[in-house]
Every structure is written in C-alpha cells, then in structure tokens.
Amino acid sequence: MEKIISCCGLDCATCDARVATMSNDDNLRRVTAEKWKVGYNAPDITPEMINCTGCRGEGVKFSHCEVYEIRNCVMNKGFDTCGDCPDMETCAIVSAVHKYVPEALTNLKNLN
C-alpha cells in the first residue's frame, strides 16, 4: 500500500478515519469513535465526526486535523510537511508525535 504522509509524518493511508471515509464504512466510523473516545480521552467524539481525506489533500478533515497546530505551522511556513523545515528534529510542536510514533520521523526523512 502506498503511504500518504501527513504534515507530521504519520501515514494517513493507515488512519482509521481516512479509511472509513474513503470506503464509506459506517461500522469502522463507529469502532474508531469508540476507540478514540478512550484513547484520546475525548468523550464527545461521535461516528459522524469520523470523516477525513488526509491533512494535506483536498476534502473533509477530521476536526482535530483541520485545526491541528502542526498542520497550521506547515501551511503558514509554505511547506508541504514538517520534513521541509530545517528545525524539524528540534521542533517542540512535532516532537510529541515523533516521540510516540518514531516511524513518522522516518517517513518525513524518506520524503527528501
């Protein structure tokens, strides 16, 4: 499967919100909402909110992705991803993602 790398380096191709949106899978939306309610301590997430085409492309965004600080930083600097930024490896904004998902940093380094 081809990777769809987000601004922070996560692979949108494997994100349950994007998969549910692209396949119009209401069951996956329901399962994802329940999982994210617990995993992200976000009790207000509903299956109807699980819609996203990926943070870098056109189309609908999951509410978190739409206002995502990392995405906004990338867009404000005119970059495609954090991988274009010379401060990526020392950035306080994206470091939490890379700490918990080191593959995201690897994905960004492999884009260049």
PDB file of N, CA and C in Angstrom:
ATOM      1  N   MET A   1       0.837  -1.173   0.000  1.00  0.00           N
ATOM      2  CA  MET A   1       0.000   0.000   0.000  1.00  0.00           C
ATOM      3  C   MET A   1       0.888   1.245   0.000  1.00  0.00           C
ATOM      4  N   GLU A   2       0.541   2.182  -0.844  1.00  0.00           N
ATOM      5  CA  GLU A   2       1.287   3.426  -0.907  1.00  0.00           C
ATOM      6  C   GLU A   2       1.008   4.266   0.332  1.00  0.00           C
ATOM      7  N   LYS A   3       2.047   4.899   0.848  1.00  0.00           N
ATOM      8  CA  LYS A   3       1.892   5.759   2.016  1.00  0.00           C
ATOM      9  C   LYS A   3       1.360   7.121   1.584  1.00  0.00           C
ATOM     10  N   ILE A   4       0.562   7.710   2.449  1.00  0.00           N
ATOM     11  CA  ILE A   4       0.078   9.077   2.275  1.00  0.00           C
ATOM     12  C   ILE A   4       0.544   9.825   3.517  1.00  0.00           C
ATOM     13  N   ILE A   5       1.653  10.522   3.407  1.00  0.00           N
ATOM     14  CA  ILE A   5       2.306  11.106   4.567  1.00  0.00           C
ATOM     15  C   ILE A   5       1.677  12.450   4.929  1.00  0.00           C
ATOM     16  N   SER A   6       1.301  12.557   6.189  1.00  0.00           N
ATOM     17  CA  SER A   6       0.689  13.784   6.717  1.00  0.00           C
ATOM     18  C   SER A   6       1.768  14.827   6.983  1.00  0.00           C
ATOM     19  N   CYS A   7       1.346  15.993   7.406  1.00  0.00           N
ATOM     20  CA  CYS A   7       2.285  17.065   7.730  1.00  0.00           C
ATOM     21  C   CYS A   7       3.310  16.628   8.760  1.00  0.00           C
ATOM     22  N   CYS A   8       2.867  15.885   9.775  1.00  0.00           N
ATOM     23  CA  CYS A   8       3.759  15.478  10.868  1.00  0.00           C
ATOM     24  C   CYS A   8       4.505  14.187  10.571  1.00  0.00           C
ATOM     25  N   GLY A   9       4.144  13.492   9.500  1.00  0.00           N
ATOM     26  CA  GLY A   9       4.826  12.262   9.138  1.00  0.00           C
ATOM     27  C   GLY A   9       4.013  11.005   9.339  1.00  0.00           C
ATOM     28  N   LEU A  10       2.853  11.110   9.999  1.00  0.00           N
ATOM     29  CA  LEU A  10       2.001   9.935  10.140  1.00  0.00           C
ATOM     30  C   LEU A  10       1.508   9.503   8.763  1.00  0.00           C
ATOM     31  N   ASP A  11       1.178   8.252   8.627  1.00  0.00           N
ATOM     32  CA  ASP A  11       0.705   7.718   7.353  1.00  0.00           C
ATOM     33  C   ASP A  11      -0.825   7.740   7.320  1.00  0.00           C
ATOM     34  N   CYS A  12      -1.395   8.686   6.608  1.00  0.00           N
ATOM     35  CA  CYS A  12      -2.857   8.810   6.515  1.00  0.00           C
ATOM     36  C   CYS A  12      -3.487   7.574   5.870  1.00  0.00           C
ATOM     37  N   ALA A  13      -2.720   6.860   5.064  1.00  0.00           N
ATOM     38  CA  ALA A  13      -3.270   5.676   4.396  1.00  0.00           C
ATOM     39  C   ALA A  13      -3.689   4.614   5.401  1.00  0.00           C
ATOM     40  N   THR A  14      -3.097   4.632   6.590  1.00  0.00           N
ATOM     41  CA  THR A  14      -3.437   3.640   7.608  1.00  0.00           C
ATOM     42  C   THR A  14      -4.326   4.207   8.712  1.00  0.00           C
ATOM     43  N   CYS A  15      -4.720   5.466   8.599  1.00  0.00           N
ATOM     44  CA  CYS A  15      -5.566   6.104   9.614  1.00  0.00           C
ATOM     45  C   CYS A  15      -7.004   5.619   9.460  1.00  0.00           C
ATOM     46  N   ASP A  16      -7.590   5.166  10.558  1.00  0.00           N
ATOM     47  CA  ASP A  16      -8.953   4.636  10.511  1.00  0.00           C
ATOM     48  C   ASP A  16      -9.970   5.673  10.034  1.00  0.00           C
ATOM     49  N   ALA A  17      -9.769   6.937  10.357  1.00  0.00           N
ATOM     50  CA  ALA A  17     -10.712   7.965   9.904  1.00  0.00           C
ATOM     51  C   ALA A  17     -10.678   8.092   8.380  1.00  0.00           C
ATOM     52  N   ARG A  18      -9.482   8.098   7.816  1.00  0.00           N
ATOM     53  CA  ARG A  18      -9.377   8.200   6.354  1.00  0.00           C
ATOM     54  C   ARG A  18      -9.894   6.937   5.684  1.00  0.00           C
ATOM     55  N   VAL A  19      -9.541   5.778   6.221  1.00  0.00           N
ATOM     56  CA  VAL A  19     -10.005   4.512   5.644  1.00  0.00           C
ATOM     57  C   VAL A  19     -11.533   4.459   5.665  1.00  0.00           C
ATOM     58  N   ALA A  20     -12.140   4.836   6.786  1.00  0.00           N
ATOM     59  CA  ALA A  20     -13.606   4.831   6.896  1.00  0.00           C
ATOM     60  C   ALA A  20     -14.234   5.804   5.906  1.00  0.00           C
ATOM     61  N   THR A  21     -13.616   6.957   5.732  1.00  0.00           N
ATOM     62  CA  THR A  21     -14.145   7.955   4.801  1.00  0.00           C
ATOM     63  C   THR A  21     -14.056   7.466   3.364  1.00  0.00           C
ATOM     64  N   MET A  22     -12.899   6.973   2.988  1.00  0.00           N
ATOM     65  CA  MET A  22     -12.692   6.563   1.602  1.00  0.00           C
ATOM     66  C   MET A  22     -13.531   5.346   1.225  1.00  0.00           C
ATOM     67  N   SER A  23     -13.825   4.478   2.191  1.00  0.00           N
ATOM     68  CA  SER A  23     -14.629   3.282   1.913  1.00  0.00           C
ATOM     69  C   SER A  23     -16.081   3.440   2.362  1.00  0.00           C
ATOM     70  N   ASN A  24     -16.407   4.633   2.892  1.00  0.00           N
ATOM     71  CA  ASN A  24     -17.753   4.921   3.400  1.00  0.00           C
ATOM     72  C   ASN A  24     -18.232   3.801   4.334  1.00  0.00           C
ATOM     73  N   ASP A  25     -17.379   3.473   5.303  1.00  0.00           N
ATOM     74  CA  ASP A  25     -17.607   2.358   6.218  1.00  0.00           C
ATOM     75  C   ASP A  25     -18.116   2.878   7.569  1.00  0.00           C
ATOM     76  N   ASP A  26     -19.440   2.844   7.738  1.00  0.00           N
ATOM     77  CA  ASP A  26     -20.033   3.347   8.973  1.00  0.00           C
ATOM     78  C   ASP A  26     -19.666   2.500  10.182  1.00  0.00           C
ATOM     79  N   ASN A  27     -19.457   1.216  10.002  1.00  0.00           N
ATOM     80  CA  ASN A  27     -19.044   0.380  11.125  1.00  0.00           C
ATOM     81  C   ASN A  27     -17.650   0.788  11.609  1.00  0.00           C
ATOM     82  N   LEU A  28     -16.726   1.039  10.688  1.00  0.00           N
ATOM     83  CA  LEU A  28     -15.387   1.475  11.077  1.00  0.00           C
ATOM     84  C   LEU A  28     -15.458   2.842  11.750  1.00  0.00           C
ATOM     85  N   ARG A  29     -16.345   3.710  11.285  1.00  0.00           N
ATOM     86  CA  ARG A  29     -16.530   5.010  11.943  1.00  0.00           C
ATOM     87  C   ARG A  29     -16.959   4.808  13.404  1.00  0.00           C
ATOM     88  N   ARG A  30     -17.897   3.891  13.616  1.00  0.00           N
ATOM     89  CA  ARG A  30     -18.392   3.622  14.967  1.00  0.00           C
ATOM     90  C   ARG A  30     -17.282   3.063  15.847  1.00  0.00           C
ATOM     91  N   VAL A  31     -16.571   2.072  15.343  1.00  0.00           N
ATOM     92  CA  VAL A  31     -15.478   1.448  16.097  1.00  0.00           C
ATOM     93  C   VAL A  31     -14.387   2.475  16.397  1.00  0.00           C
ATOM     94  N   THR A  32     -14.035   3.282  15.415  1.00  0.00           N
ATOM     95  CA  THR A  32     -12.995   4.291  15.588  1.00  0.00           C
ATOM     96  C   THR A  32     -13.406   5.335  16.618  1.00  0.00           C
ATOM     97  N   ALA A  33     -14.642   5.790  16.555  1.00  0.00           N
ATOM     98  CA  ALA A  33     -15.127   6.771  17.533  1.00  0.00           C
ATOM     99  C   ALA A  33     -15.019   6.215  18.943  1.00  0.00           C
ATOM    100  N   GLU A  34     -15.409   4.981  19.131  1.00  0.00           N
ATOM    101  CA  GLU A  34     -15.342   4.367  20.466  1.00  0.00           C
ATOM    102  C   GLU A  34     -13.891   4.238  20.927  1.00  0.00           C
ATOM    103  N   LYS A  35     -13.011   3.827  20.022  1.00  0.00           N
ATOM    104  CA  LYS A  35     -11.597   3.668  20.355  1.00  0.00           C
ATOM    105  C   LYS A  35     -10.970   5.023  20.700  1.00  0.00           C
ATOM    106  N   TRP A  36     -11.262   6.043  19.926  1.00  0.00           N
ATOM    107  CA  TRP A  36     -10.675   7.355  20.138  1.00  0.00           C
ATOM    108  C   TRP A  36     -11.247   8.045  21.369  1.00  0.00           C
ATOM    109  N   LYS A  37     -12.491   7.767  21.706  1.00  0.00           N
ATOM    110  CA  LYS A  37     -13.070   8.330  22.939  1.00  0.00           C
ATOM    111  C   LYS A  37     -12.211   7.970  24.128  1.00  0.00           C
ATOM    112  N   VAL A  38     -11.804   6.713  24.181  1.00  0.00           N
ATOM    113  CA  VAL A  38     -10.994   6.214  25.292  1.00  0.00           C
ATOM    114  C   VAL A  38      -9.527   6.609  25.106  1.00  0.00           C
ATOM    115  N   GLY A  39      -8.982   6.308  23.946  1.00  0.00           N
ATOM    116  CA  GLY A  39      -7.559   6.523  23.699  1.00  0.00           C
ATOM    117  C   GLY A  39      -7.118   7.974  23.766  1.00  0.00           C
ATOM    118  N   TYR A  40      -8.006   8.878  23.388  1.00  0.00           N
ATOM    119  CA  TYR A  40      -7.667  10.301  23.385  1.00  0.00           C
ATOM    120  C   TYR A  40      -8.430  11.082  24.441  1.00  0.00           C
ATOM    121  N   ASN A  41      -9.112  10.349  25.343  1.00  0.00           N
ATOM    122  CA  ASN A  41      -9.901  10.984  26.395  1.00  0.00           C
ATOM    123  C   ASN A  41     -10.786  12.077  25.792  1.00  0.00           C
ATOM    124  N   ALA A  42     -11.541  11.681  24.781  1.00  0.00           N
ATOM    125  CA  ALA A  42     -12.392  12.617  24.041  1.00  0.00           C
ATOM    126  C   ALA A  42     -13.813  12.052  23.968  1.00  0.00           C
ATOM    127  N   PRO A  43     -14.556  12.140  25.061  1.00  0.00           N
ATOM    128  CA  PRO A  43     -15.876  11.502  25.133  1.00  0.00           C
ATOM    129  C   PRO A  43     -16.908  12.048  24.153  1.00  0.00           C
ATOM    130  N   ASP A  44     -16.641  13.189  23.546  1.00  0.00           N
ATOM    131  CA  ASP A  44     -17.614  13.801  22.639  1.00  0.00           C
ATOM    132  C   ASP A  44     -17.493  13.333  21.194  1.00  0.00           C
ATOM    133  N   ILE A  45     -16.512  12.504  20.887  1.00  0.00           N
ATOM    134  CA  ILE A  45     -16.356  12.019  19.516  1.00  0.00           C
ATOM    135  C   ILE A  45     -17.514  11.092  19.167  1.00  0.00           C
ATOM    136  N   THR A  46     -18.108  11.348  18.000  1.00  0.00           N
ATOM    137  CA  THR A  46     -19.202  10.521  17.504  1.00  0.00           C
ATOM    138  C   THR A  46     -18.793   9.897  16.174  1.00  0.00           C
ATOM    139  N   PRO A  47     -19.467   8.824  15.769  1.00  0.00           N
ATOM    140  CA  PRO A  47     -19.161   8.230  14.466  1.00  0.00           C
ATOM    141  C   PRO A  47     -19.317   9.225  13.312  1.00  0.00           C
ATOM    142  N   GLU A  48     -20.239  10.146  13.438  1.00  0.00           N
ATOM    143  CA  GLU A  48     -20.461  11.141  12.377  1.00  0.00           C
ATOM    144  C   GLU A  48     -19.267  12.073  12.204  1.00  0.00           C
ATOM    145  N   MET A  49     -18.438  12.176  13.226  1.00  0.00           N
ATOM    146  CA  MET A  49     -17.255  13.034  13.163  1.00  0.00           C
ATOM    147  C   MET A  49     -16.079  12.351  12.476  1.00  0.00           C
ATOM    148  N   ILE A  50     -16.158  11.053  12.282  1.00  0.00           N
ATOM    149  CA  ILE A  50     -15.048  10.287  11.713  1.00  0.00           C
ATOM    150  C   ILE A  50     -15.108  10.375  10.194  1.00  0.00           C
ATOM    151  N   ASN A  51     -14.598  11.475   9.686  1.00  0.00           N
ATOM    152  CA  ASN A  51     -14.529  11.746   8.253  1.00  0.00           C
ATOM    153  C   ASN A  51     -13.266  12.547   7.985  1.00  0.00           C
ATOM    154  N   CYS A  52     -12.392  12.028   7.134  1.00  0.00           N
ATOM    155  CA  CYS A  52     -11.157  12.735   6.818  1.00  0.00           C
ATOM    156  C   CYS A  52     -10.561  12.145   5.541  1.00  0.00           C
ATOM    157  N   THR A  53     -10.071  13.004   4.686  1.00  0.00           N
ATOM    158  CA  THR A  53      -9.397  12.560   3.469  1.00  0.00           C
ATOM    159  C   THR A  53      -7.882  12.715   3.581  1.00  0.00           C
ATOM    160  N   GLY A  54      -7.405  13.150   4.735  1.00  0.00           N
ATOM    161  CA  GLY A  54      -5.976  13.366   4.959  1.00  0.00           C
ATOM    162  C   GLY A  54      -5.682  14.840   5.096  1.00  0.00           C
ATOM    163  N   CYS A  55      -4.719  15.181   5.929  1.00  0.00           N
ATOM    164  CA  CYS A  55      -4.495  16.590   6.258  1.00  0.00           C
ATOM    165  C   CYS A  55      -3.886  17.399   5.120  1.00  0.00           C
ATOM    166  N   ARG A  56      -3.229  16.754   4.167  1.00  0.00           N
ATOM    167  CA  ARG A  56      -2.546  17.508   3.114  1.00  0.00           C
ATOM    168  C   ARG A  56      -3.350  17.631   1.825  1.00  0.00           C
ATOM    169  N   GLY A  57      -4.418  16.881   1.707  1.00  0.00           N
ATOM    170  CA  GLY A  57      -5.168  16.910   0.467  1.00  0.00           C
ATOM    171  C   GLY A  57      -6.440  17.722   0.571  1.00  0.00           C
ATOM    172  N   GLU A  58      -7.113  17.814  -0.535  1.00  0.00           N
ATOM    173  CA  GLU A  58      -8.414  18.472  -0.571  1.00  0.00           C
ATOM    174  C   GLU A  58      -9.443  17.568   0.093  1.00  0.00           C
ATOM    175  N   GLY A  59     -10.504  18.146   0.537  1.00  0.00           N
ATOM    176  CA  GLY A  59     -11.597  17.353   1.085  1.00  0.00           C
ATOM    177  C   GLY A  59     -11.779  17.550   2.572  1.00  0.00           C
ATOM    178  N   VAL A  60     -12.672  16.778   3.104  1.00  0.00           N
ATOM    179  CA  VAL A  60     -13.055  16.882   4.504  1.00  0.00           C
ATOM    180  C   VAL A  60     -11.897  16.484   5.419  1.00  0.00           C
ATOM    181  N   LYS A  61     -11.831  17.138   6.571  1.00  0.00           N
ATOM    182  CA  LYS A  61     -10.807  16.844   7.569  1.00  0.00           C
ATOM    183  C   LYS A  61     -11.497  16.488   8.882  1.00  0.00           C
ATOM    184  N   PHE A  62     -10.919  15.540   9.609  1.00  0.00           N
ATOM    185  CA  PHE A  62     -11.355  15.289  10.971  1.00  0.00           C
ATOM    186  C   PHE A  62     -11.122  16.580  11.748  1.00  0.00           C
ATOM    187  N   SER A  63     -11.999  16.913  12.656  1.00  0.00           N
ATOM    188  CA  SER A  63     -11.928  18.206  13.334  1.00  0.00           C
ATOM    189  C   SER A  63     -10.545  18.483  13.909  1.00  0.00           C
ATOM    190  N   HIS A  64      -9.907  17.481  14.471  1.00  0.00           N
ATOM    191  CA  HIS A  64      -8.565  17.671  15.026  1.00  0.00           C
ATOM    192  C   HIS A  64      -7.568  18.023  13.918  1.00  0.00           C
ATOM    193  N   CYS A  65      -7.664  17.366  12.794  1.00  0.00           N
ATOM    194  CA  CYS A  65      -6.728  17.614  11.688  1.00  0.00           C
ATOM    195  C   CYS A  65      -6.931  19.001  11.081  1.00  0.00           C
ATOM    196  N   GLU A  66      -8.167  19.470  11.081  1.00  0.00           N
ATOM    197  CA  GLU A  66      -8.472  20.778  10.494  1.00  0.00           C
ATOM    198  C   GLU A  66      -7.781  21.910  11.254  1.00  0.00           C
ATOM    199  N   VAL A  67      -7.727  21.802  12.568  1.00  0.00           N
ATOM    200  CA  VAL A  67      -7.147  22.867  13.391  1.00  0.00           C
ATOM    201  C   VAL A  67      -5.813  22.456  14.010  1.00  0.00           C
ATOM    202  N   TYR A  68      -5.253  21.379  13.548  1.00  0.00           N
ATOM    203  CA  TYR A  68      -4.026  20.797  14.062  1.00  0.00           C
ATOM    204  C   TYR A  68      -2.893  21.811  14.033  1.00  0.00           C
ATOM    205  N   GLU A  69      -2.260  22.051  15.163  1.00  0.00           N
ATOM    206  CA  GLU A  69      -1.189  23.038  15.262  1.00  0.00           C
ATOM    207  C   GLU A  69      -0.060  22.743  14.281  1.00  0.00           C
ATOM    208  N   ILE A  70       0.265  21.469  14.123  1.00  0.00           N
ATOM    209  CA  ILE A  70       1.346  21.099  13.207  1.00  0.00           C
ATOM    210  C   ILE A  70       0.964  21.452  11.773  1.00  0.00           C
ATOM    211  N   ARG A  71      -0.241  21.085  11.373  1.00  0.00           N
ATOM    212  CA  ARG A  71      -0.715  21.384  10.013  1.00  0.00           C
ATOM    213  C   ARG A  71      -0.707  22.894   9.768  1.00  0.00           C
ATOM    214  N   ASN A  72      -1.187  23.650  10.731  1.00  0.00           N
ATOM    215  CA  ASN A  72      -1.222  25.107  10.588  1.00  0.00           C
ATOM    216  C   ASN A  72       0.178  25.683  10.468  1.00  0.00           C
ATOM    217  N   CYS A  73       1.124  25.168  11.240  1.00  0.00           N
ATOM    218  CA  CYS A  73       2.507  25.632  11.163  1.00  0.00           C
ATOM    219  C   CYS A  73       3.086  25.363   9.772  1.00  0.00           C
ATOM    220  N   VAL A  74       2.893  24.139   9.286  1.00  0.00           N
ATOM    221  CA  VAL A  74       3.392  23.763   7.961  1.00  0.00           C
ATOM    222  C   VAL A  74       2.804  24.678   6.887  1.00  0.00           C
ATOM    223  N   MET A  75       1.497  24.889   6.951  1.00  0.00           N
ATOM    224  CA  MET A  75       0.831  25.731   5.948  1.00  0.00           C
ATOM    225  C   MET A  75       1.300  27.179   6.041  1.00  0.00           C
ATOM    226  N   ASN A  76       1.441  27.703   7.250  1.00  0.00           N
ATOM    227  CA  ASN A  76       1.879  29.092   7.424  1.00  0.00           C
ATOM    228  C   ASN A  76       3.294  29.325   6.923  1.00  0.00           C
ATOM    229  N   LYS A  77       4.128  28.295   6.998  1.00  0.00           N
ATOM    230  CA  LYS A  77       5.512  28.417   6.521  1.00  0.00           C
ATOM    231  C   LYS A  77       5.638  28.102   5.029  1.00  0.00           C
ATOM    232  N   GLY A  78       4.543  27.663   4.416  1.00  0.00           N
ATOM    233  CA  GLY A  78       4.568  27.355   2.987  1.00  0.00           C
ATOM    234  C   GLY A  78       5.226  26.026   2.660  1.00  0.00           C
ATOM    235  N   PHE A  79       5.305  25.127   3.632  1.00  0.00           N
ATOM    236  CA  PHE A  79       5.906  23.814   3.427  1.00  0.00           C
ATOM    237  C   PHE A  79       4.841  22.796   3.056  1.00  0.00           C
ATOM    238  N   ASP A  80       5.283  21.643   2.550  1.00  0.00           N
ATOM    239  CA  ASP A  80       4.385  20.514   2.310  1.00  0.00           C
ATOM    240  C   ASP A  80       4.229  19.676   3.579  1.00  0.00           C
ATOM    241  N   THR A  81       5.338  19.478   4.278  1.00  0.00           N
ATOM    242  CA  THR A  81       5.352  18.695   5.518  1.00  0.00           C
ATOM    243  C   THR A  81       6.397  19.297   6.454  1.00  0.00           C
ATOM    244  N   CYS A  82       6.436  18.780   7.660  1.00  0.00           N
ATOM    245  CA  CYS A  82       7.486  19.177   8.611  1.00  0.00           C
ATOM    246  C   CYS A  82       8.865  18.798   8.080  1.00  0.00           C
ATOM    247  N   GLY A  83       8.921  17.823   7.187  1.00  0.00           N
ATOM    248  CA  GLY A  83      10.193  17.402   6.603  1.00  0.00           C
ATOM    249  C   GLY A  83      10.881  18.492   5.810  1.00  0.00           C
ATOM    250  N   ASP A  84      10.142  19.510   5.407  1.00  0.00           N
ATOM    251  CA  ASP A  84      10.725  20.629   4.672  1.00  0.00           C
ATOM    252  C   ASP A  84      11.346  21.673   5.601  1.00  0.00           C
ATOM    253  N   CYS A  85      11.080  21.552   6.890  1.00  0.00           N
ATOM    254  CA  CYS A  85      11.528  22.554   7.857  1.00  0.00           C
ATOM    255  C   CYS A  85      12.906  22.192   8.402  1.00  0.00           C
ATOM    256  N   PRO A  86      13.835  23.139   8.406  1.00  0.00           N
ATOM    257  CA  PRO A  86      15.177  22.850   8.924  1.00  0.00           C
ATOM    258  C   PRO A  86      15.182  22.582  10.435  1.00  0.00           C
ATOM    259  N   ASP A  87      14.112  22.961  11.130  1.00  0.00           N
ATOM    260  CA  ASP A  87      14.035  22.776  12.581  1.00  0.00           C
ATOM    261  C   ASP A  87      13.268  21.526  12.985  1.00  0.00           C
ATOM    262  N   MET A  88      12.919  20.674  12.041  1.00  0.00           N
ATOM    263  CA  MET A  88      12.049  19.528  12.313  1.00  0.00           C
ATOM    264  C   MET A  88      12.511  18.694  13.503  1.00  0.00           C
ATOM    265  N   GLU A  89      13.769  18.344  13.561  1.00  0.00           N
ATOM    266  CA  GLU A  89      14.221  17.417  14.596  1.00  0.00           C
ATOM    267  C   GLU A  89      14.342  18.054  15.979  1.00  0.00           C
ATOM    268  N   THR A  90      14.258  19.369  16.064  1.00  0.00           N
ATOM    269  CA  THR A  90      14.303  20.047  17.357  1.00  0.00           C
ATOM    270  C   THR A  90      13.000  20.775  17.669  1.00  0.00           C
ATOM    271  N   CYS A  91      12.007  20.615  16.833  1.00  0.00           N
ATOM    272  CA  CYS A  91      10.740  21.340  16.967  1.00  0.00           C
ATOM    273  C   CYS A  91       9.914  20.821  18.149  1.00  0.00           C
ATOM    274  N   ALA A  92       9.505  21.730  19.006  1.00  0.00           N
ATOM    275  CA  ALA A  92       8.685  21.363  20.166  1.00  0.00           C
ATOM    276  C   ALA A  92       7.265  20.991  19.748  1.00  0.00           C
ATOM    277  N   ILE A  93       6.807  21.496  18.623  1.00  0.00           N
ATOM    278  CA  ILE A  93       5.432  21.239  18.194  1.00  0.00           C
ATOM    279  C   ILE A  93       5.265  19.791  17.722  1.00  0.00           C
ATOM    280  N   VAL A  94       6.157  19.298  16.891  1.00  0.00           N
ATOM    281  CA  VAL A  94       6.005  17.966  16.313  1.00  0.00           C
ATOM    282  C   VAL A  94       6.729  16.872  17.108  1.00  0.00           C
ATOM    283  N   SER A  95       7.537  17.257  18.063  1.00  0.00           N
ATOM    284  CA  SER A  95       8.345  16.268  18.791  1.00  0.00           C
ATOM    285  C   SER A  95       7.509  15.223  19.522  1.00  0.00           C
ATOM    286  N   ALA A  96       6.331  15.584  20.016  1.00  0.00           N
ATOM    287  CA  ALA A  96       5.493  14.608  20.727  1.00  0.00           C
ATOM    288  C   ALA A  96       5.045  13.492  19.791  1.00  0.00           C
ATOM    289  N   VAL A  97       4.713  13.849  18.568  1.00  0.00           N
ATOM    290  CA  VAL A  97       4.315  12.830  17.594  1.00  0.00           C
ATOM    291  C   VAL A  97       5.483  11.890  17.347  1.00  0.00           C
ATOM    292  N   HIS A  98       6.644  12.455  17.101  1.00  0.00           N
ATOM    293  CA  HIS A  98       7.813  11.647  16.772  1.00  0.00           C
ATOM    294  C   HIS A  98       8.289  10.818  17.965  1.00  0.00           C
ATOM    295  N   LYS A  99       8.055  11.299  19.173  1.00  0.00           N
ATOM    296  CA  LYS A  99       8.424  10.541  20.368  1.00  0.00           C
ATOM    297  C   LYS A  99       7.589   9.264  20.471  1.00  0.00           C
ATOM    298  N   TYR A 100       6.290   9.377  20.194  1.00  0.00           N
ATOM    299  CA  TYR A 100       5.396   8.233  20.336  1.00  0.00           C
ATOM    300  C   TYR A 100       5.260   7.398  19.074  1.00  0.00           C
ATOM    301  N   VAL A 101       5.554   8.010  17.923  1.00  0.00           N
ATOM    302  CA  VAL A 101       5.486   7.276  16.660  1.00  0.00           C
ATOM    303  C   VAL A 101       6.763   7.603  15.864  1.00  0.00           C
ATOM    304  N   PRO A 102       7.876   6.972  16.224  1.00  0.00           N
ATOM    305  CA  PRO A 102       9.144   7.269  15.541  1.00  0.00           C
ATOM    306  C   PRO A 102       9.072   7.062  14.034  1.00  0.00           C
ATOM    307  N   GLU A 103       8.192   6.187  13.585  1.00  0.00           N
ATOM    308  CA  GLU A 103       8.031   5.960  12.146  1.00  0.00           C
ATOM    309  C   GLU A 103       7.647   7.249  11.419  1.00  0.00           C
ATOM    310  N   ALA A 104       6.943   8.143  12.105  1.00  0.00           N
ATOM    311  CA  ALA A 104       6.542   9.408  11.477  1.00  0.00           C
ATOM    312  C   ALA A 104       7.771  10.228  11.084  1.00  0.00           C
ATOM    313  N   LEU A 105       8.765  10.275  11.960  1.00  0.00           N
ATOM    314  CA  LEU A 105      10.009  10.983  11.645  1.00  0.00           C
ATOM    315  C   LEU A 105      10.730  10.309  10.484  1.00  0.00           C
ATOM    316  N   THR A 106      10.764   8.996  10.510  1.00  0.00           N
ATOM    317  CA  THR A 106      11.384   8.238   9.417  1.00  0.00           C
ATOM    318  C   THR A 106      10.670   8.523   8.098  1.00  0.00           C
ATOM    319  N   ASN A 107       9.342   8.545   8.133  1.00  0.00           N
ATOM    320  CA  ASN A 107       8.573   8.854   6.916  1.00  0.00           C
ATOM    321  C   ASN A 107       8.963  10.200   6.344  1.00  0.00           C
ATOM    322  N   LEU A 108       9.105  11.215   7.210  1.00  0.00           N
ATOM    323  CA  LEU A 108       9.461  12.545   6.729  1.00  0.00           C
ATOM    324  C   LEU A 108      10.871  12.572   6.152  1.00  0.00           C
ATOM    325  N   LYS A 109      11.792  11.893   6.812  1.00  0.00           N
ATOM    326  CA  LYS A 109      13.168  11.858   6.303  1.00  0.00           C
ATOM    327  C   LYS A 109      13.240  11.145   4.961  1.00  0.00           C
ATOM    328  N   ASN A 110      12.372  10.168   4.747  1.00  0.00           N
ATOM    329  CA  ASN A 110      12.374   9.425   3.488  1.00  0.00           C
ATOM    330  C   ASN A 110      11.712  10.179   2.346  1.00  0.00           C
ATOM    331  N   LEU A 111      11.024  11.267   2.643  1.00  0.00           N
ATOM    332  CA  LEU A 111      10.404  12.067   1.580  1.00  0.00           C
ATOM    333  C   LEU A 111      11.445  12.854   0.798  1.00  0.00           C
ATOM    334  N   ASN A 112      12.527  13.178   1.445  1.00  0.00           N
ATOM    335  CA  ASN A 112      13.544  14.043   0.814  1.00  0.00           C
ATOM    336  C   ASN A 112      14.596  13.243   0.087  1.00  0.00           C
TER     337      ASN A 112
END
